[in-house]
């Protein structure tokens, strides 16, 4: 099987694999699926089919199991996205605080709809489920960092910082 990683990424995967695996009983290696897929996403920016196959093989699992896990969890990305990933929470708590206005504002400013990437591949905008910050909505995650109590001014500042 051809590696899905660059040599540097492969070296990091090979170094992290035994550490992650050691957290689980030897007869339950499959339990390491989530952290290993997360590692692949950190390395590639998304989880490729080849990375899913590698993880499944390393854990002695069928490739379909890795695909099931990678596509079940919304936090995993199986397709490449822009340099910056903006995920706007539109669950009930944030919706009651104006999440749809935030999403609409970003769509207008970026010239894209949720689920799309800007033509320069700079930003991907996604609508997401609850990010567990209900008391500080509306909120979003940008590159896995939270920005809460959003206002148009905060959104403009955010967009200005993302190069």
Foldseek 3Di string as FASTA:
>chain_A
DDDPADPVLVVVLVVCVVVLQVVDDPVPSVVSLVVQLVSCCVRPVAQELRSLCVSCVVSVHDSVVSVCVQVPDPVGHHDHAAPKEKEWECEDLQVVVPSVVVQVLVCVVQVHHAQDARPVSQYHHHYDHDPPPSVFHRWIAMVNHIDGVDDSVVVVVVVVPRD
